[in-house]
Amino acid sequence: EHPLFIVFTAYAVPMSAISLKFVLQEYMAG
């Protein structure tokens, strides 16, 4: 109910850190 953190690391994928941030933000809504 009151989480502390999520840390997500990605290697060798054709994706930017900005994109990774926004997809996580979508699932952390609220």
PDB file of all heavy atoms in Angstrom:
ATOM      1  N   GLU A   1       0.814  -1.217   0.000  1.00  0.00           N
ATOM      2  CA  GLU A   1       0.000   0.000   0.000  1.00  0.00           C
ATOM      3  C   GLU A   1       0.843   1.259   0.000  1.00  0.00           C
ATOM      4  O   GLU A   1       0.480   2.272  -0.600  1.00  0.00           O
ATOM      5  CB  GLU A   1      -0.940  -0.007   1.211  1.00  0.00           C
ATOM      6  CG  GLU A   1      -1.949   1.123   1.221  1.00  0.00           C
ATOM      7  CD  GLU A   1      -2.924   1.027   2.366  1.00  0.00           C
ATOM      8  OE1 GLU A   1      -2.893   0.008   3.101  1.00  0.00           O
ATOM      9  OE2 GLU A   1      -3.735   1.967   2.548  1.00  0.00           O
ATOM     10  N   HIS A   2       1.992   1.184   0.671  1.00  0.00           N
ATOM     11  CA  HIS A   2       2.894   2.344   0.724  1.00  0.00           C
ATOM     12  C   HIS A   2       4.310   1.891   0.334  1.00  0.00           C
ATOM     13  O   HIS A   2       5.193   1.775   1.186  1.00  0.00           O
ATOM     14  CB  HIS A   2       2.904   2.960   2.127  1.00  0.00           C
ATOM     15  CG  HIS A   2       1.555   3.410   2.585  1.00  0.00           C
ATOM     16  ND1 HIS A   2       0.926   4.507   2.050  1.00  0.00           N
ATOM     17  CD2 HIS A   2       0.713   2.890   3.523  1.00  0.00           C
ATOM     18  CE1 HIS A   2      -0.245   4.671   2.631  1.00  0.00           C
ATOM     19  NE2 HIS A   2      -0.399   3.705   3.532  1.00  0.00           N
ATOM     20  N   PRO A   3       4.536   1.645  -0.951  1.00  0.00           N
ATOM     21  CA  PRO A   3       5.846   1.122  -1.385  1.00  0.00           C
ATOM     22  C   PRO A   3       6.937   2.170  -1.301  1.00  0.00           C
ATOM     23  O   PRO A   3       6.669   3.384  -1.279  1.00  0.00           O
ATOM     24  CB  PRO A   3       5.581   0.712  -2.834  1.00  0.00           C
ATOM     25  CG  PRO A   3       4.488   1.622  -3.282  1.00  0.00           C
ATOM     26  CD  PRO A   3       3.617   1.830  -2.081  1.00  0.00           C
ATOM     27  N   LEU A   4       8.182   1.687  -1.290  1.00  0.00           N
ATOM     28  CA  LEU A   4       9.349   2.565  -1.190  1.00  0.00           C
ATOM     29  C   LEU A   4       9.949   2.908  -2.534  1.00  0.00           C
ATOM     30  O   LEU A   4      10.293   4.059  -2.811  1.00  0.00           O
ATOM     31  CB  LEU A   4      10.427   1.910  -0.332  1.00  0.00           C
ATOM     32  CG  LEU A   4      10.161   1.731   1.145  1.00  0.00           C
ATOM     33  CD1 LEU A   4      11.323   0.991   1.792  1.00  0.00           C
ATOM     34  CD2 LEU A   4       9.956   3.082   1.817  1.00  0.00           C
ATOM     35  N   PHE A   5      10.131   1.877  -3.400  1.00  0.00           N
ATOM     36  CA  PHE A   5      10.855   2.136  -4.642  1.00  0.00           C
ATOM     37  C   PHE A   5      10.633   1.037  -5.665  1.00  0.00           C
ATOM     38  O   PHE A   5      10.224  -0.084  -5.343  1.00  0.00           O
ATOM     39  CB  PHE A   5      12.358   2.279  -4.385  1.00  0.00           C
ATOM     40  CG  PHE A   5      13.054   1.000  -3.995  1.00  0.00           C
ATOM     41  CD1 PHE A   5      13.508   0.106  -4.961  1.00  0.00           C
ATOM     42  CD2 PHE A   5      13.275   0.680  -2.659  1.00  0.00           C
ATOM     43  CE1 PHE A   5      14.145  -1.073  -4.615  1.00  0.00           C
ATOM     44  CE2 PHE A   5      13.921  -0.499  -2.298  1.00  0.00           C
ATOM     45  CZ  PHE A   5      14.358  -1.376  -3.284  1.00  0.00           C
ATOM     46  N   ILE A   6      10.928   1.387  -6.906  1.00  0.00           N
ATOM     47  CA  ILE A   6      11.163   0.442  -7.996  1.00  0.00           C
ATOM     48  C   ILE A   6      12.417   0.905  -8.725  1.00  0.00           C
ATOM     49  O   ILE A   6      12.584   2.107  -8.970  1.00  0.00           O
ATOM     50  CB  ILE A   6       9.979   0.376  -8.985  1.00  0.00           C
ATOM     51  CG1 ILE A   6       8.778  -0.328  -8.343  1.00  0.00           C
ATOM     52  CG2 ILE A   6      10.381  -0.369 -10.258  1.00  0.00           C
ATOM     53  CD1 ILE A   6       7.588  -0.471  -9.287  1.00  0.00           C
ATOM     54  N   VAL A   7      13.295  -0.022  -9.064  1.00  0.00           N
ATOM     55  CA  VAL A   7      14.447   0.302  -9.895  1.00  0.00           C
ATOM     56  C   VAL A   7      14.488  -0.697 -11.045  1.00  0.00           C
ATOM     57  O   VAL A   7      14.403  -1.906 -10.834  1.00  0.00           O
ATOM     58  CB  VAL A   7      15.766   0.309  -9.084  1.00  0.00           C
ATOM     59  CG1 VAL A   7      15.986  -1.013  -8.369  1.00  0.00           C
ATOM     60  CG2 VAL A   7      16.941   0.643  -9.978  1.00  0.00           C
ATOM     61  N   PHE A   8      14.550  -0.180 -12.272  1.00  0.00           N
ATOM     62  CA  PHE A   8      14.451  -0.978 -13.495  1.00  0.00           C
ATOM     63  C   PHE A   8      15.661  -0.657 -14.362  1.00  0.00           C
ATOM     64  O   PHE A   8      15.886   0.493 -14.725  1.00  0.00           O
ATOM     65  CB  PHE A   8      13.158  -0.603 -14.224  1.00  0.00           C
ATOM     66  CG  PHE A   8      12.767  -1.509 -15.364  1.00  0.00           C
ATOM     67  CD1 PHE A   8      11.455  -1.921 -15.493  1.00  0.00           C
ATOM     68  CD2 PHE A   8      13.679  -1.937 -16.315  1.00  0.00           C
ATOM     69  CE1 PHE A   8      11.059  -2.742 -16.552  1.00  0.00           C
ATOM     70  CE2 PHE A   8      13.305  -2.761 -17.361  1.00  0.00           C
ATOM     71  CZ  PHE A   8      11.991  -3.165 -17.473  1.00  0.00           C
ATOM     72  N   THR A   9      16.433  -1.684 -14.706  1.00  0.00           N
ATOM     73  CA  THR A   9      17.610  -1.531 -15.566  1.00  0.00           C
ATOM     74  C   THR A   9      17.410  -2.354 -16.828  1.00  0.00           C
ATOM     75  O   THR A   9      16.898  -3.475 -16.764  1.00  0.00           O
ATOM     76  CB  THR A   9      18.880  -2.010 -14.845  1.00  0.00           C
ATOM     77  OG1 THR A   9      18.988  -1.352 -13.581  1.00  0.00           O
ATOM     78  CG2 THR A   9      20.123  -1.705 -15.672  1.00  0.00           C
ATOM     79  N   ALA A  10      17.803  -1.808 -17.973  1.00  0.00           N
ATOM     80  CA  ALA A  10      17.643  -2.520 -19.244  1.00  0.00           C
ATOM     81  C   ALA A  10      18.927  -2.420 -20.052  1.00  0.00           C
ATOM     82  O   ALA A  10      19.512  -1.335 -20.178  1.00  0.00           O
ATOM     83  CB  ALA A  10      16.480  -1.945 -20.041  1.00  0.00           C
ATOM     84  N   TYR A  11      19.354  -3.552 -20.596  1.00  0.00           N
ATOM     85  CA  TYR A  11      20.565  -3.643 -21.404  1.00  0.00           C
ATOM     86  C   TYR A  11      20.219  -3.984 -22.855  1.00  0.00           C
ATOM     87  O   TYR A  11      19.336  -4.793 -23.114  1.00  0.00           O
ATOM     88  CB  TYR A  11      21.494  -4.736 -20.861  1.00  0.00           C
ATOM     89  CG  TYR A  11      22.195  -4.391 -19.580  1.00  0.00           C
ATOM     90  CD1 TYR A  11      21.569  -4.583 -18.358  1.00  0.00           C
ATOM     91  CD2 TYR A  11      23.485  -3.871 -19.593  1.00  0.00           C
ATOM     92  CE1 TYR A  11      22.216  -4.268 -17.173  1.00  0.00           C
ATOM     93  CE2 TYR A  11      24.144  -3.557 -18.413  1.00  0.00           C
ATOM     94  CZ  TYR A  11      23.507  -3.756 -17.204  1.00  0.00           C
ATOM     95  OH  TYR A  11      24.143  -3.434 -16.031  1.00  0.00           O
ATOM     96  N   ALA A  12      20.957  -3.368 -23.766  1.00  0.00           N
ATOM     97  CA  ALA A  12      20.965  -3.765 -25.179  1.00  0.00           C
ATOM     98  C   ALA A  12      19.586  -3.781 -25.808  1.00  0.00           C
ATOM     99  O   ALA A  12      19.271  -4.654 -26.627  1.00  0.00           O
ATOM    100  CB  ALA A  12      21.633  -5.135 -25.332  1.00  0.00           C
ATOM    101  N   VAL A  13      18.747  -2.817 -25.440  1.00  0.00           N
ATOM    102  CA  VAL A  13      17.429  -2.709 -26.057  1.00  0.00           C
ATOM    103  C   VAL A  13      17.342  -1.386 -26.813  1.00  0.00           C
ATOM    104  O   VAL A  13      17.867  -0.369 -26.355  1.00  0.00           O
ATOM    105  CB  VAL A  13      16.296  -2.802 -25.014  1.00  0.00           C
ATOM    106  CG1 VAL A  13      16.266  -4.190 -24.395  1.00  0.00           C
ATOM    107  CG2 VAL A  13      16.424  -1.739 -23.937  1.00  0.00           C
ATOM    108  N   PRO A  14      16.681  -1.378 -27.981  1.00  0.00           N
ATOM    109  CA  PRO A  14      16.527  -0.134 -28.740  1.00  0.00           C
ATOM    110  C   PRO A  14      15.433   0.742 -28.136  1.00  0.00           C
ATOM    111  O   PRO A  14      14.324   0.868 -28.673  1.00  0.00           O
ATOM    112  CB  PRO A  14      16.162  -0.632 -30.144  1.00  0.00           C
ATOM    113  CG  PRO A  14      15.463  -1.926 -29.908  1.00  0.00           C
ATOM    114  CD  PRO A  14      16.137  -2.537 -28.701  1.00  0.00           C
ATOM    115  N   MET A  15      15.750   1.345 -27.014  1.00  0.00           N
ATOM    116  CA  MET A  15      14.779   2.109 -26.245  1.00  0.00           C
ATOM    117  C   MET A  15      15.531   3.169 -25.469  1.00  0.00           C
ATOM    118  O   MET A  15      16.671   2.953 -25.038  1.00  0.00           O
ATOM    119  CB  MET A  15      14.041   1.165 -25.288  1.00  0.00           C
ATOM    120  CG  MET A  15      12.922   1.777 -24.493  1.00  0.00           C
ATOM    121  SD  MET A  15      12.163   0.502 -23.424  1.00  0.00           S
ATOM    122  CE  MET A  15      10.699   1.369 -22.870  1.00  0.00           C
ATOM    123  N   SER A  16      14.931   4.321 -25.267  1.00  0.00           N
ATOM    124  CA  SER A  16      15.577   5.377 -24.493  1.00  0.00           C
ATOM    125  C   SER A  16      15.178   5.286 -23.032  1.00  0.00           C
ATOM    126  O   SER A  16      14.142   4.696 -22.676  1.00  0.00           O
ATOM    127  CB  SER A  16      15.179   6.753 -25.034  1.00  0.00           C
ATOM    128  OG  SER A  16      13.817   7.019 -24.746  1.00  0.00           O
ATOM    129  N   ALA A  17      15.978   5.890 -22.186  1.00  0.00           N
ATOM    130  CA  ALA A  17      15.637   5.962 -20.768  1.00  0.00           C
ATOM    131  C   ALA A  17      14.355   6.759 -20.556  1.00  0.00           C
ATOM    132  O   ALA A  17      13.572   6.463 -19.648  1.00  0.00           O
ATOM    133  CB  ALA A  17      16.797   6.583 -19.991  1.00  0.00           C
ATOM    134  N   ILE A  18      14.134   7.763 -21.394  1.00  0.00           N
ATOM    135  CA  ILE A  18      12.909   8.560 -21.293  1.00  0.00           C
ATOM    136  C   ILE A  18      11.689   7.676 -21.543  1.00  0.00           C
ATOM    137  O   ILE A  18      10.700   7.722 -20.810  1.00  0.00           O
ATOM    138  CB  ILE A  18      12.950   9.732 -22.291  1.00  0.00           C
ATOM    139  CG1 ILE A  18      14.042  10.723 -21.891  1.00  0.00           C
ATOM    140  CG2 ILE A  18      11.598  10.431 -22.356  1.00  0.00           C
ATOM    141  CD1 ILE A  18      14.270  11.820 -22.910  1.00  0.00           C
ATOM    142  N   SER A  19      11.746   6.839 -22.576  1.00  0.00           N
ATOM    143  CA  SER A  19      10.632   5.940 -22.864  1.00  0.00           C
ATOM    144  C   SER A  19      10.404   4.974 -21.714  1.00  0.00           C
ATOM    145  O   SER A  19       9.256   4.687 -21.336  1.00  0.00           O
ATOM    146  CB  SER A  19      10.902   5.170 -24.153  1.00  0.00           C
ATOM    147  OG  SER A  19      10.979   6.031 -25.263  1.00  0.00           O
ATOM    148  N   LEU A  20      11.482   4.441 -21.154  1.00  0.00           N
ATOM    149  CA  LEU A  20      11.368   3.518 -20.029  1.00  0.00           C
ATOM    150  C   LEU A  20      10.722   4.210 -18.838  1.00  0.00           C
ATOM    151  O   LEU A  20       9.890   3.628 -18.137  1.00  0.00           O
ATOM    152  CB  LEU A  20      12.754   2.979 -19.661  1.00  0.00           C
ATOM    153  CG  LEU A  20      12.793   1.784 -18.716  1.00  0.00           C
ATOM    154  CD1 LEU A  20      12.120   0.574 -19.341  1.00  0.00           C
ATOM    155  CD2 LEU A  20      14.236   1.447 -18.348  1.00  0.00           C
ATOM    156  N   LYS A  21      11.075   5.467 -18.634  1.00  0.00           N
ATOM    157  CA  LYS A  21      10.491   6.236 -17.537  1.00  0.00           C
ATOM    158  C   LYS A  21       8.988   6.404 -17.718  1.00  0.00           C
ATOM    159  O   LYS A  21       8.198   6.182 -16.788  1.00  0.00           O
ATOM    160  CB  LYS A  21      11.170   7.590 -17.442  1.00  0.00           C
ATOM    161  CG  LYS A  21      10.622   8.477 -16.330  1.00  0.00           C
ATOM    162  CD  LYS A  21       9.878   9.641 -16.894  1.00  0.00           C
ATOM    163  CE  LYS A  21       9.464  10.615 -15.798  1.00  0.00           C
ATOM    164  NZ  LYS A  21       8.742  11.777 -16.320  1.00  0.00           N
ATOM    165  N   PHE A  22       8.558   6.733 -18.916  1.00  0.00           N
ATOM    166  CA  PHE A  22       7.146   6.991 -19.122  1.00  0.00           C
ATOM    167  C   PHE A  22       6.303   5.723 -19.104  1.00  0.00           C
ATOM    168  O   PHE A  22       5.144   5.753 -18.672  1.00  0.00           O
ATOM    169  CB  PHE A  22       6.925   7.780 -20.413  1.00  0.00           C
ATOM    170  CG  PHE A  22       7.241   9.241 -20.256  1.00  0.00           C
ATOM    171  CD1 PHE A  22       8.253   9.829 -20.989  1.00  0.00           C
ATOM    172  CD2 PHE A  22       6.542  10.035 -19.350  1.00  0.00           C
ATOM    173  CE1 PHE A  22       8.568  11.169 -20.843  1.00  0.00           C
ATOM    174  CE2 PHE A  22       6.831  11.376 -19.190  1.00  0.00           C
ATOM    175  CZ  PHE A  22       7.850  11.952 -19.937  1.00  0.00           C
ATOM    176  N   VAL A  23       6.855   4.604 -19.540  1.00  0.00           N
ATOM    177  CA  VAL A  23       6.078   3.369 -19.453  1.00  0.00           C
ATOM    178  C   VAL A  23       5.940   2.936 -17.996  1.00  0.00           C
ATOM    179  O   VAL A  23       4.876   2.450 -17.575  1.00  0.00           O
ATOM    180  CB  VAL A  23       6.682   2.254 -20.339  1.00  0.00           C
ATOM    181  CG1 VAL A  23       7.968   1.696 -19.774  1.00  0.00           C
ATOM    182  CG2 VAL A  23       5.662   1.127 -20.528  1.00  0.00           C
ATOM    183  N   LEU A  24       6.985   3.110 -17.175  1.00  0.00           N
ATOM    184  CA  LEU A  24       6.848   2.809 -15.748  1.00  0.00           C
ATOM    185  C   LEU A  24       5.848   3.755 -15.103  1.00  0.00           C
ATOM    186  O   LEU A  24       5.011   3.335 -14.282  1.00  0.00           O
ATOM    187  CB  LEU A  24       8.207   2.919 -15.051  1.00  0.00           C
ATOM    188  CG  LEU A  24       8.179   2.681 -13.533  1.00  0.00           C
ATOM    189  CD1 LEU A  24       7.698   1.263 -13.210  1.00  0.00           C
ATOM    190  CD2 LEU A  24       9.555   2.926 -12.922  1.00  0.00           C
ATOM    191  N   GLN A  25       5.906   5.019 -15.467  1.00  0.00           N
ATOM    192  CA  GLN A  25       4.993   6.021 -14.901  1.00  0.00           C
ATOM    193  C   GLN A  25       3.532   5.644 -15.165  1.00  0.00           C
ATOM    194  O   GLN A  25       2.657   5.835 -14.320  1.00  0.00           O
ATOM    195  CB  GLN A  25       5.316   7.382 -15.489  1.00  0.00           C
ATOM    196  CG  GLN A  25       4.660   8.555 -14.783  1.00  0.00           C
ATOM    197  CD  GLN A  25       5.156   9.873 -15.330  1.00  0.00           C
ATOM    198  OE1 GLN A  25       5.173  10.095 -16.542  1.00  0.00           O
ATOM    199  NE2 GLN A  25       5.580  10.751 -14.447  1.00  0.00           N
ATOM    200  N   GLU A  26       3.287   5.093 -16.341  1.00  0.00           N
ATOM    201  CA  GLU A  26       1.926   4.670 -16.677  1.00  0.00           C
ATOM    202  C   GLU A  26       1.406   3.620 -15.700  1.00  0.00           C
ATOM    203  O   GLU A  26       0.243   3.677 -15.262  1.00  0.00           O
ATOM    204  CB  GLU A  26       1.906   4.120 -18.102  1.00  0.00           C
ATOM    205  CG  GLU A  26       0.555   3.620 -18.568  1.00  0.00           C
ATOM    206  CD  GLU A  26       0.594   3.102 -19.992  1.00  0.00           C
ATOM    207  OE1 GLU A  26       1.510   3.484 -20.748  1.00  0.00           O
ATOM    208  OE2 GLU A  26      -0.297   2.307 -20.342  1.00  0.00           O
ATOM    209  N   TYR A  27       2.262   2.670 -15.338  1.00  0.00           N
ATOM    210  CA  TYR A  27       1.827   1.593 -14.453  1.00  0.00           C
ATOM    211  C   TYR A  27       1.893   1.967 -12.978  1.00  0.00           C
ATOM    212  O   TYR A  27       1.344   1.248 -12.140  1.00  0.00           O
ATOM    213  CB  TYR A  27       2.634   0.322 -14.735  1.00  0.00           C
ATOM    214  CG  TYR A  27       2.193  -0.322 -16.014  1.00  0.00           C
ATOM    215  CD1 TYR A  27       2.802  -0.006 -17.222  1.00  0.00           C
ATOM    216  CD2 TYR A  27       1.125  -1.201 -16.037  1.00  0.00           C
ATOM    217  CE1 TYR A  27       2.367  -0.557 -18.412  1.00  0.00           C
ATOM    218  CE2 TYR A  27       0.677  -1.768 -17.228  1.00  0.00           C
ATOM    219  CZ  TYR A  27       1.308  -1.435 -18.409  1.00  0.00           C
ATOM    220  OH  TYR A  27       0.867  -1.971 -19.587  1.00  0.00           O
ATOM    221  N   MET A  28       2.522   3.108 -12.676  1.00  0.00           N
ATOM    222  CA  MET A  28       2.585   3.580 -11.292  1.00  0.00           C
ATOM    223  C   MET A  28       1.576   4.700 -11.037  1.00  0.00           C
ATOM    224  O   MET A  28       1.643   5.376 -10.019  1.00  0.00           O
ATOM    225  CB  MET A  28       4.002   4.064 -10.978  1.00  0.00           C
ATOM    226  CG  MET A  28       5.054   2.972 -11.045  1.00  0.00           C
ATOM    227  SD  MET A  28       4.844   1.719  -9.772  1.00  0.00           S
ATOM    228  CE  MET A  28       5.459   2.643  -8.361  1.00  0.00           C
ATOM    229  N   ALA A  29       0.649   4.883 -11.954  1.00  0.00           N
ATOM    230  CA  ALA A  29      -0.351   5.949 -11.812  1.00  0.00           C
ATOM    231  C   ALA A  29      -1.071   5.823 -10.467  1.00  0.00           C
ATOM    232  O   ALA A  29      -1.464   4.728 -10.048  1.00  0.00           O
ATOM    233  CB  ALA A  29      -1.358   5.879 -12.953  1.00  0.00           C
ATOM    234  N   GLY A  30      -1.226   6.966  -9.803  1.00  0.00           N
ATOM    235  CA  GLY A  30      -1.898   6.986  -8.505  1.00  0.00           C
ATOM    236  C   GLY A  30      -0.945   6.932  -7.337  1.00  0.00           C
ATOM    237  O   GLY A  30      -1.366   7.148  -6.188  1.00  0.00           O
TER     238      GLY A  30
END
